Amino acid sequence: MSEEKLNEELQEDTEVAVEVESGSKTPEETIDNEEQGEEVERDLEKELAEAQQEIADLRDKMLRAAAENENFKKRVERERLASLKYAGETIFKEILPVVDNLERALGQGVVEGVPAEKNLAALLEGVQLTLKRLVATLEKFDVKTIESVGKPFDPKHQDAMTMAESDSVPANHVLTEFEKGYSYKDRLLRPAKVVVSSGKNEEKTKE
């Protein structure tokens, strides 16, 4: 075989190889690759949107939790201050019956028309001193008596036990007390139990 003939065959083989290589991808395969690329891009955009939404939800939950925690701390602080302010309320409620008993003892010890014996006088003096000291102690801790007798009836501070006629005390005013009322700082500790005047007897007034 001549050298020219050999060169021609080599050139033909090279051209065939180039044609085969250039035609290895069909148009369908190219379209499929483009569609796959678009689908991957859409998936990434979807994942990004979901991640952003999740971040927004977490941020909202975090803000809500922070607000609830702040409100909880404020409520606890208010309750703590109220507890400190009224810490002695229960104790003073226990002391009040002692005051009542002392007042009753004084009332029963004073009998008009009967000479007071020395032991009774000493007892009364001791009771008076005890009551005075106890009342002073209560006032020291801002426990004060609610003035009721002769005052207009106030259901916020007084409990009406009954009503009675009176020529001297106007209607709907406190005539007498069964038990005194007490306040502790700016809070009602115990309402007064009172008798409320119903005013003058109209029939007696007409006569």
N, C-alpha and C. Protein backbone atom coordinates (compact mmCIF):
# COMPACT_ATOMS: atom_id res chain seq x y z
N MET A 1 0.88 -1.17 0.00
CA MET A 1 0.00 0.00 0.00
C MET A 1 0.92 1.22 0.00
N SER A 2 0.50 2.23 -0.84
CA SER A 2 1.34 3.41 -0.96
C SER A 2 1.10 4.34 0.22
N GLU A 3 1.98 5.23 0.40
CA GLU A 3 1.92 6.16 1.53
C GLU A 3 0.73 7.08 1.41
N GLU A 4 0.37 7.50 0.18
CA GLU A 4 -0.78 8.37 -0.03
C GLU A 4 -2.07 7.67 0.35
N LYS A 5 -2.14 6.40 -0.05
CA LYS A 5 -3.34 5.61 0.26
C LYS A 5 -3.51 5.48 1.77
N LEU A 6 -2.45 5.27 2.50
CA LEU A 6 -2.49 5.11 3.95
C LEU A 6 -2.94 6.40 4.62
N ASN A 7 -2.46 7.53 4.17
CA ASN A 7 -2.86 8.83 4.74
C ASN A 7 -4.33 9.10 4.54
N GLU A 8 -4.86 8.73 3.35
CA GLU A 8 -6.29 8.94 3.08
C GLU A 8 -7.15 8.12 4.03
N GLU A 9 -6.79 6.89 4.30
CA GLU A 9 -7.57 6.04 5.20
C GLU A 9 -7.54 6.57 6.63
N LEU A 10 -6.39 7.06 7.08
CA LEU A 10 -6.28 7.62 8.43
C LEU A 10 -7.16 8.85 8.58
N GLN A 11 -7.19 9.69 7.53
CA GLN A 11 -8.02 10.91 7.58
C GLN A 11 -9.49 10.56 7.65
N GLU A 12 -9.91 9.52 6.88
CA GLU A 12 -11.33 9.09 6.91
C GLU A 12 -11.71 8.56 8.30
N ASP A 13 -10.86 7.78 8.91
CA ASP A 13 -11.14 7.24 10.25
C ASP A 13 -11.30 8.36 11.28
N THR A 14 -10.46 9.43 11.16
CA THR A 14 -10.51 10.55 12.09
C THR A 14 -11.81 11.30 11.95
N GLU A 15 -12.27 11.52 10.69
CA GLU A 15 -13.54 12.22 10.45
C GLU A 15 -14.73 11.45 11.01
N VAL A 16 -14.72 10.12 10.84
CA VAL A 16 -15.81 9.28 11.37
C VAL A 16 -15.85 9.36 12.89
N ALA A 17 -14.67 9.34 13.52
CA ALA A 17 -14.61 9.41 14.99
C ALA A 17 -15.15 10.73 15.50
N VAL A 18 -14.83 11.84 14.79
CA VAL A 18 -15.33 13.17 15.19
C VAL A 18 -16.82 13.24 15.05
N GLU A 19 -17.37 12.65 13.94
CA GLU A 19 -18.81 12.66 13.75
C GLU A 19 -19.52 11.87 14.85
N VAL A 20 -18.97 10.74 15.22
CA VAL A 20 -19.58 9.91 16.28
C VAL A 20 -19.57 10.64 17.60
N GLU A 21 -18.41 11.33 17.91
CA GLU A 21 -18.30 12.02 19.20
C GLU A 21 -19.25 13.21 19.26
N SER A 22 -19.34 13.95 18.16
CA SER A 22 -20.20 15.13 18.14
C SER A 22 -21.66 14.76 18.22
N GLY A 23 -22.01 13.60 17.80
CA GLY A 23 -23.42 13.19 17.82
C GLY A 23 -23.74 12.27 18.95
N SER A 24 -22.96 12.24 20.07
CA SER A 24 -23.20 11.32 21.18
C SER A 24 -24.39 11.74 22.02
N LYS A 25 -24.78 13.09 22.15
CA LYS A 25 -25.92 13.58 22.91
C LYS A 25 -27.04 13.97 21.98
N THR A 26 -28.18 13.37 22.24
CA THR A 26 -29.36 13.65 21.41
C THR A 26 -30.05 14.90 21.95
N PRO A 27 -30.92 15.56 21.21
CA PRO A 27 -31.70 16.72 21.68
C PRO A 27 -32.56 16.38 22.90
N GLU A 28 -33.12 15.18 22.96
CA GLU A 28 -33.95 14.78 24.11
C GLU A 28 -33.14 14.78 25.40
N GLU A 29 -31.88 14.27 25.26
CA GLU A 29 -31.04 14.23 26.44
C GLU A 29 -30.71 15.64 26.92
N THR A 30 -30.50 16.55 26.02
CA THR A 30 -30.21 17.94 26.39
C THR A 30 -31.38 18.57 27.13
N ILE A 31 -32.63 18.33 26.67
CA ILE A 31 -33.85 18.88 27.30
C ILE A 31 -34.02 18.31 28.71
N ASP A 32 -33.76 16.98 28.84
CA ASP A 32 -33.88 16.36 30.15
C ASP A 32 -32.92 16.99 31.15
N ASN A 33 -31.70 17.27 30.70
CA ASN A 33 -30.72 17.88 31.59
C ASN A 33 -31.16 19.27 32.03
N GLU A 34 -31.73 20.03 31.13
CA GLU A 34 -32.21 21.37 31.46
C GLU A 34 -33.37 21.30 32.46
N GLU A 35 -34.30 20.35 32.24
CA GLU A 35 -35.43 20.20 33.16
C GLU A 35 -34.97 19.78 34.55
N GLN A 36 -34.00 18.90 34.61
CA GLN A 36 -33.46 18.48 35.90
C GLN A 36 -32.83 19.66 36.64
N GLY A 37 -32.10 20.51 35.87
CA GLY A 37 -31.48 21.69 36.48
C GLY A 37 -32.54 22.64 37.04
N GLU A 38 -33.63 22.85 36.29
CA GLU A 38 -34.71 23.72 36.77
C GLU A 38 -35.39 23.13 38.01
N GLU A 39 -35.58 21.80 38.00
CA GLU A 39 -36.21 21.15 39.15
C GLU A 39 -35.35 21.28 40.40
N VAL A 40 -34.05 21.13 40.26
CA VAL A 40 -33.15 21.30 41.41
C VAL A 40 -33.20 22.73 41.92
N GLU A 41 -33.28 23.69 41.00
CA GLU A 41 -33.36 25.09 41.39
C GLU A 41 -34.65 25.38 42.15
N ARG A 42 -35.79 24.79 41.66
CA ARG A 42 -37.06 24.98 42.35
C ARG A 42 -37.02 24.36 43.75
N ASP A 43 -36.40 23.19 43.87
CA ASP A 43 -36.28 22.54 45.19
C ASP A 43 -35.48 23.41 46.15
N LEU A 44 -34.40 24.00 45.66
CA LEU A 44 -33.58 24.86 46.51
C LEU A 44 -34.37 26.09 46.95
N GLU A 45 -35.14 26.68 46.02
CA GLU A 45 -35.96 27.84 46.38
C GLU A 45 -37.02 27.47 47.41
N LYS A 46 -37.62 26.29 47.25
CA LYS A 46 -38.63 25.83 48.21
C LYS A 46 -38.02 25.63 49.59
N GLU A 47 -36.85 24.98 49.62
CA GLU A 47 -36.17 24.76 50.90
C GLU A 47 -35.78 26.08 51.56
N LEU A 48 -35.36 27.05 50.74
CA LEU A 48 -35.00 28.35 51.28
C LEU A 48 -36.22 29.05 51.88
N ALA A 49 -37.35 28.99 51.17
CA ALA A 49 -38.59 29.60 51.66
C ALA A 49 -39.04 28.94 52.96
N GLU A 50 -38.96 27.60 53.02
CA GLU A 50 -39.34 26.89 54.24
C GLU A 50 -38.42 27.25 55.40
N ALA A 51 -37.12 27.38 55.10
CA ALA A 51 -36.17 27.74 56.15
C ALA A 51 -36.44 29.15 56.67
N GLN A 52 -36.75 30.07 55.77
CA GLN A 52 -37.06 31.43 56.18
C GLN A 52 -38.33 31.48 57.03
N GLN A 53 -39.35 30.69 56.64
CA GLN A 53 -40.59 30.63 57.42
C GLN A 53 -40.34 30.04 58.80
N GLU A 54 -39.52 29.02 58.86
CA GLU A 54 -39.19 28.39 60.15
C GLU A 54 -38.46 29.38 61.05
N ILE A 55 -37.56 30.16 60.46
CA ILE A 55 -36.84 31.18 61.23
C ILE A 55 -37.80 32.23 61.78
N ALA A 56 -38.76 32.65 60.93
CA ALA A 56 -39.76 33.63 61.37
C ALA A 56 -40.62 33.08 62.51
N ASP A 57 -41.03 31.80 62.38
CA ASP A 57 -41.83 31.17 63.44
C ASP A 57 -41.05 31.08 64.75
N LEU A 58 -39.79 30.68 64.64
CA LEU A 58 -38.96 30.58 65.84
C LEU A 58 -38.75 31.95 66.49
N ARG A 59 -38.58 32.96 65.67
CA ARG A 59 -38.39 34.32 66.20
C ARG A 59 -39.65 34.79 66.93
N ASP A 60 -40.83 34.49 66.33
CA ASP A 60 -42.09 34.87 66.97
C ASP A 60 -42.26 34.15 68.31
N LYS A 61 -41.94 32.84 68.32
CA LYS A 61 -42.04 32.08 69.57
C LYS A 61 -41.08 32.62 70.62
N MET A 62 -39.88 33.01 70.18
CA MET A 62 -38.90 33.53 71.11
C MET A 62 -39.38 34.84 71.74
N LEU A 63 -39.98 35.73 70.90
CA LEU A 63 -40.48 37.00 71.41
C LEU A 63 -41.64 36.78 72.38
N ARG A 64 -42.51 35.83 72.03
CA ARG A 64 -43.64 35.53 72.92
C ARG A 64 -43.14 34.99 74.27
N ALA A 65 -42.18 34.09 74.19
CA ALA A 65 -41.63 33.51 75.42
C ALA A 65 -40.96 34.58 76.27
N ALA A 66 -40.26 35.50 75.62
CA ALA A 66 -39.60 36.58 76.37
C ALA A 66 -40.63 37.48 77.04
N ALA A 67 -41.73 37.78 76.32
CA ALA A 67 -42.79 38.63 76.89
C ALA A 67 -43.47 37.93 78.07
N GLU A 68 -43.76 36.64 77.91
CA GLU A 68 -44.39 35.88 79.00
C GLU A 68 -43.46 35.81 80.21
N ASN A 69 -42.19 35.64 79.97
CA ASN A 69 -41.23 35.58 81.08
C ASN A 69 -41.16 36.91 81.81
N GLU A 70 -41.21 38.01 81.06
CA GLU A 70 -41.17 39.33 81.68
C GLU A 70 -42.44 39.58 82.50
N ASN A 71 -43.59 39.20 81.95
CA ASN A 71 -44.85 39.35 82.70
C ASN A 71 -44.84 38.49 83.96
N PHE A 72 -44.29 37.29 83.85
CA PHE A 72 -44.22 36.40 85.02
C PHE A 72 -43.35 37.02 86.11
N LYS A 73 -42.21 37.59 85.73
CA LYS A 73 -41.32 38.21 86.71
C LYS A 73 -42.00 39.41 87.38
N LYS A 74 -42.75 40.20 86.60
CA LYS A 74 -43.44 41.35 87.18
C LYS A 74 -44.53 40.89 88.15
N ARG A 75 -45.26 39.82 87.77
CA ARG A 75 -46.33 39.32 88.65
C ARG A 75 -45.75 38.78 89.95
N VAL A 76 -44.64 38.06 89.84
CA VAL A 76 -43.99 37.52 91.04
C VAL A 76 -43.51 38.65 91.94
N GLU A 77 -42.98 39.71 91.34
CA GLU A 77 -42.49 40.85 92.13
C GLU A 77 -43.64 41.54 92.83
N ARG A 78 -44.78 41.71 92.14
CA ARG A 78 -45.95 42.34 92.77
C ARG A 78 -46.45 41.50 93.94
N GLU A 79 -46.52 40.19 93.73
CA GLU A 79 -46.97 39.31 94.80
C GLU A 79 -45.99 39.32 95.98
N ARG A 80 -44.71 39.42 95.68
CA ARG A 80 -43.72 39.45 96.75
C ARG A 80 -43.86 40.72 97.58
N LEU A 81 -44.04 41.85 96.89
CA LEU A 81 -44.19 43.12 97.61
C LEU A 81 -45.47 43.13 98.44
N ALA A 82 -46.57 42.58 97.86
CA ALA A 82 -47.83 42.52 98.60
C ALA A 82 -47.69 41.62 99.82
N SER A 83 -46.97 40.51 99.65
CA SER A 83 -46.76 39.59 100.77
C SER A 83 -45.97 40.24 101.89
N LEU A 84 -44.96 41.03 101.52
CA LEU A 84 -44.17 41.73 102.53
C LEU A 84 -44.98 42.82 103.21
N LYS A 85 -45.78 43.53 102.42
CA LYS A 85 -46.55 44.64 102.96
C LYS A 85 -47.59 44.17 103.97
N TYR A 86 -48.23 43.01 103.71
CA TYR A 86 -49.30 42.52 104.58
C TYR A 86 -48.88 41.25 105.33
N ALA A 87 -47.60 41.15 105.63
CA ALA A 87 -47.08 39.93 106.26
C ALA A 87 -47.69 39.70 107.64
N GLY A 88 -48.02 40.77 108.36
CA GLY A 88 -48.53 40.61 109.73
C GLY A 88 -50.03 40.51 109.84
N GLU A 89 -50.72 40.44 108.71
CA GLU A 89 -52.18 40.46 108.74
C GLU A 89 -52.76 39.31 109.57
N THR A 90 -52.28 38.11 109.37
CA THR A 90 -52.80 36.95 110.10
C THR A 90 -52.56 37.08 111.60
N ILE A 91 -51.40 37.58 111.96
CA ILE A 91 -51.08 37.74 113.39
C ILE A 91 -52.04 38.72 114.06
N PHE A 92 -52.28 39.83 113.39
CA PHE A 92 -53.15 40.84 113.99
C PHE A 92 -54.59 40.35 114.10
N LYS A 93 -55.01 39.54 113.17
CA LYS A 93 -56.36 38.96 113.27
C LYS A 93 -56.48 38.09 114.51
N GLU A 94 -55.39 37.44 114.88
CA GLU A 94 -55.39 36.62 116.09
C GLU A 94 -55.39 37.46 117.36
N ILE A 95 -54.84 38.66 117.26
CA ILE A 95 -54.76 39.53 118.44
C ILE A 95 -56.10 40.19 118.74
N LEU A 96 -56.90 40.44 117.72
CA LEU A 96 -58.13 41.20 117.91
C LEU A 96 -59.09 40.56 118.92
N PRO A 97 -59.29 39.25 118.95
CA PRO A 97 -60.16 38.68 119.99
C PRO A 97 -59.69 38.97 121.41
N VAL A 98 -58.39 39.12 121.59
CA VAL A 98 -57.86 39.47 122.91
C VAL A 98 -58.35 40.85 123.30
N VAL A 99 -58.34 41.78 122.35
CA VAL A 99 -58.85 43.12 122.60
C VAL A 99 -60.33 43.07 122.97
N ASP A 100 -61.07 42.24 122.24
CA ASP A 100 -62.51 42.10 122.53
C ASP A 100 -62.74 41.60 123.95
N ASN A 101 -62.00 40.62 124.37
CA ASN A 101 -62.16 40.06 125.73
C ASN A 101 -61.81 41.08 126.80
N LEU A 102 -60.77 41.83 126.57
CA LEU A 102 -60.39 42.86 127.54
C LEU A 102 -61.48 43.93 127.65
N GLU A 103 -62.05 44.31 126.53
CA GLU A 103 -63.12 45.31 126.54
C GLU A 103 -64.35 44.78 127.26
N ARG A 104 -64.69 43.52 127.04
CA ARG A 104 -65.84 42.92 127.74
C ARG A 104 -65.58 42.87 129.24
N ALA A 105 -64.36 42.51 129.64
CA ALA A 105 -64.02 42.44 131.06
C ALA A 105 -64.16 43.80 131.73
N LEU A 106 -63.75 44.83 131.03
CA LEU A 106 -63.89 46.19 131.57
C LEU A 106 -65.35 46.58 131.71
N GLY A 107 -66.15 46.21 130.72
CA GLY A 107 -67.57 46.54 130.77
C GLY A 107 -68.30 45.84 131.90
N GLN A 108 -67.96 44.60 132.18
CA GLN A 108 -68.60 43.84 133.25
C GLN A 108 -68.08 44.24 134.63
N GLY A 109 -66.88 44.80 134.70
CA GLY A 109 -66.29 45.16 135.98
C GLY A 109 -66.84 46.45 136.56
N VAL A 110 -67.39 47.29 135.69
CA VAL A 110 -67.94 48.58 136.14
C VAL A 110 -69.43 48.40 136.39
N VAL A 111 -69.85 48.37 137.65
CA VAL A 111 -71.26 48.20 138.02
C VAL A 111 -71.71 49.44 138.77
N GLU A 112 -72.68 50.15 138.22
CA GLU A 112 -73.16 51.38 138.86
C GLU A 112 -73.90 51.07 140.16
N GLY A 113 -73.67 51.89 141.16
CA GLY A 113 -74.36 51.74 142.44
C GLY A 113 -73.75 50.73 143.38
N VAL A 114 -72.71 50.05 142.96
CA VAL A 114 -72.05 49.04 143.80
C VAL A 114 -70.65 49.53 144.11
N PRO A 115 -70.26 49.60 145.38
CA PRO A 115 -68.90 50.04 145.72
C PRO A 115 -67.85 49.09 145.14
N ALA A 116 -66.85 49.66 144.58
CA ALA A 116 -65.80 48.83 143.98
C ALA A 116 -64.84 48.39 145.07
N GLU A 117 -64.61 47.12 145.18
CA GLU A 117 -63.64 46.59 146.14
C GLU A 117 -62.22 46.79 145.62
N LYS A 118 -61.30 46.68 146.54
CA LYS A 118 -59.91 46.94 146.17
C LYS A 118 -59.38 45.96 145.13
N ASN A 119 -59.74 44.68 145.28
CA ASN A 119 -59.22 43.70 144.30
C ASN A 119 -59.82 43.92 142.92
N LEU A 120 -61.10 44.35 142.92
CA LEU A 120 -61.73 44.63 141.64
C LEU A 120 -61.10 45.86 140.99
N ALA A 121 -60.78 46.85 141.84
CA ALA A 121 -60.13 48.05 141.32
C ALA A 121 -58.76 47.73 140.73
N ALA A 122 -58.04 46.84 141.43
CA ALA A 122 -56.72 46.46 140.92
C ALA A 122 -56.85 45.68 139.62
N LEU A 123 -57.89 44.83 139.57
CA LEU A 123 -58.12 44.04 138.34
C LEU A 123 -58.44 44.96 137.17
N LEU A 124 -59.32 45.90 137.43
CA LEU A 124 -59.69 46.83 136.37
C LEU A 124 -58.50 47.65 135.89
N GLU A 125 -57.71 48.08 136.85
CA GLU A 125 -56.53 48.87 136.47
C GLU A 125 -55.57 48.05 135.63
N GLY A 126 -55.38 46.79 136.00
CA GLY A 126 -54.49 45.93 135.22
C GLY A 126 -55.02 45.67 133.82
N VAL A 127 -56.33 45.46 133.76
CA VAL A 127 -56.93 45.22 132.45
C VAL A 127 -56.82 46.47 131.57
N GLN A 128 -57.05 47.61 132.17
CA GLN A 128 -56.95 48.86 131.43
C GLN A 128 -55.55 49.08 130.88
N LEU A 129 -54.57 48.82 131.72
CA LEU A 129 -53.19 48.99 131.28
C LEU A 129 -52.84 48.01 130.16
N THR A 130 -53.34 46.77 130.30
CA THR A 130 -53.08 45.75 129.27
C THR A 130 -53.71 46.15 127.95
N LEU A 131 -54.96 46.60 128.04
CA LEU A 131 -55.65 47.02 126.82
C LEU A 131 -54.95 48.21 126.18
N LYS A 132 -54.55 49.16 126.98
CA LYS A 132 -53.89 50.34 126.46
C LYS A 132 -52.59 49.98 125.76
N ARG A 133 -51.84 49.10 126.38
CA ARG A 133 -50.57 48.67 125.79
C ARG A 133 -50.79 47.88 124.50
N LEU A 134 -51.78 47.04 124.52
CA LEU A 134 -52.06 46.24 123.33
C LEU A 134 -52.52 47.11 122.17
N VAL A 135 -53.38 48.07 122.47
CA VAL A 135 -53.84 48.98 121.42
C VAL A 135 -52.68 49.79 120.86
N ALA A 136 -51.78 50.21 121.76
CA ALA A 136 -50.60 50.97 121.31
C ALA A 136 -49.73 50.11 120.39
N THR A 137 -49.61 48.84 120.74
CA THR A 137 -48.83 47.92 119.89
C THR A 137 -49.46 47.78 118.51
N LEU A 138 -50.76 47.65 118.48
CA LEU A 138 -51.46 47.53 117.20
C LEU A 138 -51.26 48.79 116.37
N GLU A 139 -51.38 49.95 117.00
CA GLU A 139 -51.21 51.20 116.26
C GLU A 139 -49.78 51.36 115.75
N LYS A 140 -48.83 50.82 116.48
CA LYS A 140 -47.44 50.88 116.05
C LYS A 140 -47.24 50.17 114.71
N PHE A 141 -48.03 49.13 114.49
CA PHE A 141 -47.94 48.37 113.23
C PHE A 141 -49.06 48.75 112.26
N ASP A 142 -49.59 49.97 112.43
CA ASP A 142 -50.60 50.52 111.52
C ASP A 142 -51.93 49.78 111.57
N VAL A 143 -52.24 49.17 112.69
CA VAL A 143 -53.57 48.59 112.90
C VAL A 143 -54.37 49.62 113.70
N LYS A 144 -55.40 50.17 113.08
CA LYS A 144 -56.15 51.25 113.70
C LYS A 144 -57.63 50.93 113.78
N THR A 145 -58.28 51.54 114.78
CA THR A 145 -59.72 51.36 114.97
C THR A 145 -60.50 52.18 113.94
N ILE A 146 -61.56 51.57 113.42
CA ILE A 146 -62.46 52.28 112.51
C ILE A 146 -63.55 52.95 113.35
N GLU A 147 -63.62 54.26 113.29
CA GLU A 147 -64.64 54.99 114.04
C GLU A 147 -66.00 54.77 113.39
N SER A 148 -66.95 54.27 114.18
CA SER A 148 -68.25 53.93 113.61
C SER A 148 -69.42 54.63 114.28
N VAL A 149 -69.42 54.72 115.61
CA VAL A 149 -70.57 55.25 116.35
C VAL A 149 -70.84 56.70 115.95
N GLY A 150 -72.08 56.97 115.57
CA GLY A 150 -72.47 58.31 115.15
C GLY A 150 -72.17 58.62 113.70
N LYS A 151 -71.45 57.73 113.04
CA LYS A 151 -71.08 57.94 111.64
C LYS A 151 -72.13 57.30 110.72
N PRO A 152 -72.22 57.78 109.47
CA PRO A 152 -73.11 57.13 108.50
C PRO A 152 -72.71 55.67 108.29
N PHE A 153 -73.70 54.81 108.15
CA PHE A 153 -73.42 53.39 107.95
C PHE A 153 -72.71 53.19 106.62
N ASP A 154 -71.60 52.46 106.67
CA ASP A 154 -70.79 52.19 105.48
C ASP A 154 -70.63 50.68 105.34
N PRO A 155 -71.34 50.06 104.38
CA PRO A 155 -71.26 48.59 104.24
C PRO A 155 -69.87 48.08 103.87
N LYS A 156 -68.99 48.96 103.42
CA LYS A 156 -67.63 48.55 103.08
C LYS A 156 -66.79 48.31 104.34
N HIS A 157 -67.17 48.96 105.44
CA HIS A 157 -66.39 48.86 106.66
C HIS A 157 -67.20 48.37 107.87
N GLN A 158 -68.50 48.17 107.67
CA GLN A 158 -69.35 47.80 108.80
C GLN A 158 -70.35 46.72 108.38
N ASP A 159 -70.66 45.84 109.32
CA ASP A 159 -71.71 44.84 109.15
C ASP A 159 -72.86 45.21 110.07
N ALA A 160 -74.04 45.43 109.50
CA ALA A 160 -75.20 45.78 110.30
C ALA A 160 -75.80 44.52 110.91
N MET A 161 -75.84 44.45 112.24
CA MET A 161 -76.40 43.30 112.93
C MET A 161 -77.91 43.45 113.09
N THR A 162 -78.35 44.68 113.35
CA THR A 162 -79.78 44.96 113.51
C THR A 162 -79.99 46.46 113.41
N MET A 163 -81.27 46.88 113.50
CA MET A 163 -81.61 48.30 113.49
C MET A 163 -82.43 48.62 114.73
N ALA A 164 -82.30 49.86 115.19
CA ALA A 164 -83.03 50.28 116.38
C ALA A 164 -83.39 51.75 116.27
N GLU A 165 -84.50 52.11 116.90
CA GLU A 165 -84.94 53.50 116.90
C GLU A 165 -84.04 54.34 117.79
N SER A 166 -83.92 55.61 117.42
CA SER A 166 -83.11 56.52 118.22
C SER A 166 -83.59 57.94 118.00
N ASP A 167 -83.72 58.67 119.12
CA ASP A 167 -84.10 60.08 119.02
C ASP A 167 -82.90 60.98 118.80
N SER A 168 -81.73 60.47 119.07
CA SER A 168 -80.52 61.31 118.98
C SER A 168 -79.64 61.00 117.77
N VAL A 169 -79.71 59.78 117.29
CA VAL A 169 -78.86 59.38 116.15
C VAL A 169 -79.72 59.32 114.89
N PRO A 170 -79.35 60.04 113.83
CA PRO A 170 -80.16 60.04 112.60
C PRO A 170 -80.27 58.64 111.98
N ALA A 171 -81.26 58.47 111.14
CA ALA A 171 -81.46 57.19 110.45
C ALA A 171 -80.24 56.88 109.58
N ASN A 172 -79.97 55.57 109.47
CA ASN A 172 -78.84 55.07 108.66
C ASN A 172 -77.49 55.53 109.19
N HIS A 173 -77.44 55.85 110.47
CA HIS A 173 -76.18 56.12 111.16
C HIS A 173 -75.97 55.03 112.21
N VAL A 174 -74.71 54.81 112.56
CA VAL A 174 -74.39 53.76 113.52
C VAL A 174 -74.78 54.21 114.93
N LEU A 175 -75.59 53.39 115.58
CA LEU A 175 -76.05 53.69 116.93
C LEU A 175 -75.08 53.17 117.98
N THR A 176 -74.75 51.91 117.90
CA THR A 176 -73.78 51.30 118.82
C THR A 176 -72.98 50.23 118.07
N GLU A 177 -71.96 49.71 118.76
CA GLU A 177 -71.10 48.66 118.20
C GLU A 177 -71.18 47.39 119.04
N PHE A 178 -71.26 46.25 118.36
CA PHE A 178 -71.05 44.98 119.02
C PHE A 178 -69.54 44.68 119.07
N GLU A 179 -68.90 44.92 117.96
CA GLU A 179 -67.45 44.75 117.85
C GLU A 179 -66.88 45.88 117.01
N LYS A 180 -65.74 46.38 117.42
CA LYS A 180 -65.10 47.44 116.66
C LYS A 180 -64.48 46.89 115.38
N GLY A 181 -64.41 47.77 114.39
CA GLY A 181 -63.74 47.42 113.14
C GLY A 181 -62.32 47.92 113.14
N TYR A 182 -61.47 47.23 112.39
CA TYR A 182 -60.05 47.60 112.35
C TYR A 182 -59.55 47.60 110.91
N SER A 183 -58.61 48.51 110.65
CA SER A 183 -57.93 48.55 109.35
C SER A 183 -56.44 48.32 109.56
N TYR A 184 -55.82 47.71 108.55
CA TYR A 184 -54.38 47.48 108.58
C TYR A 184 -53.76 48.17 107.37
N LYS A 185 -53.06 49.28 107.63
CA LYS A 185 -52.53 50.13 106.56
C LYS A 185 -53.71 50.60 105.70
N ASP A 186 -53.75 50.25 104.42
CA ASP A 186 -54.87 50.69 103.58
C ASP A 186 -55.85 49.55 103.28
N ARG A 187 -55.83 48.51 104.11
CA ARG A 187 -56.70 47.35 103.88
C ARG A 187 -57.60 47.13 105.10
N LEU A 188 -58.85 46.75 104.82
CA LEU A 188 -59.78 46.43 105.90
C LEU A 188 -59.37 45.11 106.54
N LEU A 189 -59.12 45.16 107.85
CA LEU A 189 -58.72 43.96 108.58
C LEU A 189 -59.94 43.21 109.10
N ARG A 190 -60.89 43.96 109.65
CA ARG A 190 -62.14 43.36 110.12
C ARG A 190 -63.22 44.43 110.15
N PRO A 191 -64.38 44.16 109.56
CA PRO A 191 -65.47 45.16 109.61
C PRO A 191 -66.07 45.25 111.01
N ALA A 192 -66.60 46.41 111.34
CA ALA A 192 -67.27 46.60 112.62
C ALA A 192 -68.67 45.98 112.57
N LYS A 193 -69.07 45.34 113.66
CA LYS A 193 -70.44 44.82 113.79
C LYS A 193 -71.24 45.85 114.56
N VAL A 194 -72.25 46.41 113.92
CA VAL A 194 -72.91 47.59 114.48
C VAL A 194 -74.43 47.45 114.48
N VAL A 195 -75.04 48.35 115.30
CA VAL A 195 -76.49 48.54 115.29
C VAL A 195 -76.75 49.85 114.57
N VAL A 196 -77.62 49.81 113.57
CA VAL A 196 -77.89 50.99 112.75
C VAL A 196 -79.19 51.64 113.21
N SER A 197 -79.16 52.95 113.31
CA SER A 197 -80.35 53.69 113.73
C SER A 197 -81.39 53.73 112.61
N SER A 198 -82.64 53.52 112.99
CA SER A 198 -83.74 53.66 112.04
C SER A 198 -84.43 55.01 112.19
N GLY A 199 -83.87 55.88 113.04
CA GLY A 199 -84.43 57.21 113.22
C GLY A 199 -85.47 57.26 114.33
N LYS A 200 -86.15 58.37 114.41
CA LYS A 200 -87.15 58.54 115.45
C LYS A 200 -88.42 57.74 115.14
N ASN A 201 -89.14 57.39 116.20
CA ASN A 201 -90.43 56.71 116.05
C ASN A 201 -91.45 57.74 115.59
N GLU A 202 -92.01 57.53 114.40
CA GLU A 202 -92.93 58.52 113.84
C GLU A 202 -94.18 58.69 114.70
N GLU A 203 -94.69 57.61 115.30
CA GLU A 203 -95.89 57.71 116.12
C GLU A 203 -95.61 58.57 117.34
N LYS A 204 -94.45 58.37 117.99
CA LYS A 204 -94.10 59.18 119.14
C LYS A 204 -93.91 60.65 118.74
N THR A 205 -93.41 60.86 117.56
CA THR A 205 -93.19 62.21 117.09
C THR A 205 -94.52 62.95 116.89
N LYS A 206 -95.52 62.22 116.33
CA LYS A 206 -96.85 62.81 116.13
C LYS A 206 -97.51 63.16 117.43
N GLU A 207 -97.35 62.30 118.47
CA GLU A 207 -97.94 62.57 119.76
C GLU A 207 -97.31 63.82 120.38
